[in-house]
Amino acid sequence: MYYEIGEIIRKNIHVNGFDFKLFILKGHIGISIQVKDMNNVPIKHAYVVDENDLDMASDLFNQAIDEWIEENTDEQDRLINLVMKW
């Protein structure tokens, strides 16, 4: 297999101008996925064993990230991120 059991894969993701960290841990049966903010505070976690689970987890992660952005930013933060897209 390409990834070893117990291996953690890390990736930074960018959503609506805000950065987050994605951690994926390969288990014996599935994968554990966790999204954290840039201060390593967990936002959402899911255990996935197939593509159907992954689709549901993706929706949950997107919703949790949107909620985090709403709760942890103000209008000026959102405006700055829009300007940064120029």
C-alpha atoms as a PDB file:
ATOM      1  CA  MET A   1       0.000   0.000   0.000  1.00  0.00           C
ATOM      2  CA  TYR A   2       1.097   3.569  -0.616  1.00  0.00           C
ATOM      3  CA  TYR A   3       0.240   4.933   2.841  1.00  0.00           C
ATOM      4  CA  GLU A   4       1.218   2.975   5.954  1.00  0.00           C
ATOM      5  CA  ILE A   5      -1.289   2.204   8.707  1.00  0.00           C
ATOM      6  CA  GLY A   6      -0.833   4.805  11.429  1.00  0.00           C
ATOM      7  CA  GLU A   7       0.658   7.333   9.018  1.00  0.00           C
ATOM      8  CA  ILE A   8      -0.624  10.898   9.317  1.00  0.00           C
ATOM      9  CA  ILE A   9      -0.983  12.929   6.136  1.00  0.00           C
ATOM     10  CA  ARG A  10      -1.164  16.707   6.538  1.00  0.00           C
ATOM     11  CA  LYS A  11      -2.436  19.328   4.149  1.00  0.00           C
ATOM     12  CA  ASN A  12      -3.236  23.007   4.438  1.00  0.00           C
ATOM     13  CA  ILE A  13      -6.548  23.978   2.856  1.00  0.00           C
ATOM     14  CA  HIS A  14      -7.865  27.392   1.898  1.00  0.00           C
ATOM     15  CA  VAL A  15     -11.603  28.144   2.232  1.00  0.00           C
ATOM     16  CA  ASN A  16     -13.099  31.548   1.418  1.00  0.00           C
ATOM     17  CA  GLY A  17      -9.779  33.244   2.071  1.00  0.00           C
ATOM     18  CA  PHE A  18      -9.118  31.493   5.385  1.00  0.00           C
ATOM     19  CA  ASP A  19      -6.522  28.783   6.034  1.00  0.00           C
ATOM     20  CA  PHE A  20      -7.157  25.509   7.841  1.00  0.00           C
ATOM     21  CA  LYS A  21      -5.200  22.328   8.513  1.00  0.00           C
ATOM     22  CA  LEU A  22      -6.360  18.905   7.387  1.00  0.00           C
ATOM     23  CA  PHE A  23      -5.037  15.774   9.116  1.00  0.00           C
ATOM     24  CA  ILE A  24      -5.717  12.280   7.781  1.00  0.00           C
ATOM     25  CA  LEU A  25      -4.755   9.147   9.713  1.00  0.00           C
ATOM     26  CA  LYS A  26      -4.821   5.779   7.980  1.00  0.00           C
ATOM     27  CA  GLY A  27      -6.377   3.097  10.170  1.00  0.00           C
ATOM     28  CA  HIS A  28      -6.903  -0.638   9.722  1.00  0.00           C
ATOM     29  CA  ILE A  29     -10.430  -0.272   8.336  1.00  0.00           C
ATOM     30  CA  GLY A  30     -10.814   3.379   7.340  1.00  0.00           C
ATOM     31  CA  ILE A  31      -9.332   6.815   7.717  1.00  0.00           C
ATOM     32  CA  SER A  32      -9.735   9.420  10.430  1.00  0.00           C
ATOM     33  CA  ILE A  33     -10.031  12.984   9.144  1.00  0.00           C
ATOM     34  CA  GLN A  34      -9.707  16.084  11.276  1.00  0.00           C
ATOM     35  CA  VAL A  35      -9.897  19.758  10.356  1.00  0.00           C
ATOM     36  CA  LYS A  36      -8.189  22.287  12.624  1.00  0.00           C
ATOM     37  CA  ASP A  37      -7.825  26.029  12.540  1.00  0.00           C
ATOM     38  CA  MET A  38      -4.357  27.548  12.139  1.00  0.00           C
ATOM     39  CA  ASN A  39      -3.937  27.526  15.945  1.00  0.00           C
ATOM     40  CA  ASN A  40      -4.392  23.724  15.924  1.00  0.00           C
ATOM     41  CA  VAL A  41      -7.824  23.963  17.539  1.00  0.00           C
ATOM     42  CA  PRO A  42      -9.987  21.070  16.256  1.00  0.00           C
ATOM     43  CA  ILE A  43     -13.046  22.097  14.264  1.00  0.00           C
ATOM     44  CA  LYS A  44     -14.474  18.766  13.097  1.00  0.00           C
ATOM     45  CA  HIS A  45     -13.504  15.081  13.074  1.00  0.00           C
ATOM     46  CA  ALA A  46     -14.875  12.112  11.128  1.00  0.00           C
ATOM     47  CA  TYR A  47     -14.029   8.451  10.620  1.00  0.00           C
ATOM     48  CA  VAL A  48     -14.563   7.316   7.036  1.00  0.00           C
ATOM     49  CA  VAL A  49     -14.636   3.767   5.661  1.00  0.00           C
ATOM     50  CA  ASP A  50     -16.001   4.273   2.139  1.00  0.00           C
ATOM     51  CA  GLU A  51     -16.801   6.914  -0.470  1.00  0.00           C
ATOM     52  CA  ASN A  52     -20.357   7.395   0.815  1.00  0.00           C
ATOM     53  CA  ASP A  53     -18.939   8.237   4.244  1.00  0.00           C
ATOM     54  CA  LEU A  54     -16.467  10.585   2.584  1.00  0.00           C
ATOM     55  CA  ASP A  55     -19.259  12.466   0.801  1.00  0.00           C
ATOM     56  CA  MET A  56     -21.143  12.908   4.080  1.00  0.00           C
ATOM     57  CA  ALA A  57     -17.964  13.905   5.920  1.00  0.00           C
ATOM     58  CA  SER A  58     -17.130  16.452   3.229  1.00  0.00           C
ATOM     59  CA  ASP A  59     -20.528  18.096   3.691  1.00  0.00           C
ATOM     60  CA  LEU A  60     -20.064  18.128   7.473  1.00  0.00           C
ATOM     61  CA  PHE A  61     -16.564  19.614   7.168  1.00  0.00           C
ATOM     62  CA  ASN A  62     -17.773  22.344   4.828  1.00  0.00           C
ATOM     63  CA  GLN A  63     -20.621  23.203   7.206  1.00  0.00           C
ATOM     64  CA  ALA A  64     -18.288  23.226  10.237  1.00  0.00           C
ATOM     65  CA  ILE A  65     -15.764  25.453   8.444  1.00  0.00           C
ATOM     66  CA  ASP A  66     -18.512  27.866   7.381  1.00  0.00           C
ATOM     67  CA  GLU A  67     -19.712  28.022  11.001  1.00  0.00           C
ATOM     68  CA  TRP A  68     -16.142  28.609  12.216  1.00  0.00           C
ATOM     69  CA  ILE A  69     -15.704  31.477   9.754  1.00  0.00           C
ATOM     70  CA  GLU A  70     -19.016  33.005  10.849  1.00  0.00           C
ATOM     71  CA  GLU A  71     -18.174  32.742  14.557  1.00  0.00           C
ATOM     72  CA  ASN A  72     -14.493  33.730  14.428  1.00  0.00           C
ATOM     73  CA  THR A  73     -14.335  36.547  11.898  1.00  0.00           C
ATOM     74  CA  ASP A  74     -15.914  39.926  11.442  1.00  0.00           C
ATOM     75  CA  GLU A  75     -16.993  41.872   8.383  1.00  0.00           C
ATOM     76  CA  GLN A  76     -13.585  43.516   8.048  1.00  0.00           C
ATOM     77  CA  ASP A  77     -11.848  40.104   7.955  1.00  0.00           C
ATOM     78  CA  ARG A  78     -14.171  38.967   5.182  1.00  0.00           C
ATOM     79  CA  LEU A  79     -13.634  42.204   3.243  1.00  0.00           C
ATOM     80  CA  ILE A  80      -9.861  41.845   3.521  1.00  0.00           C
ATOM     81  CA  ASN A  81     -10.075  38.302   2.142  1.00  0.00           C
ATOM     82  CA  LEU A  82     -12.176  39.513  -0.778  1.00  0.00           C
ATOM     83  CA  VAL A  83      -9.598  42.204  -1.563  1.00  0.00           C
ATOM     84  CA  MET A  84      -6.792  39.624  -1.325  1.00  0.00           C
ATOM     85  CA  LYS A  85      -8.440  37.708  -4.188  1.00  0.00           C
ATOM     86  CA  TRP A  86      -7.814  40.625  -6.590  1.00  0.00           C
END
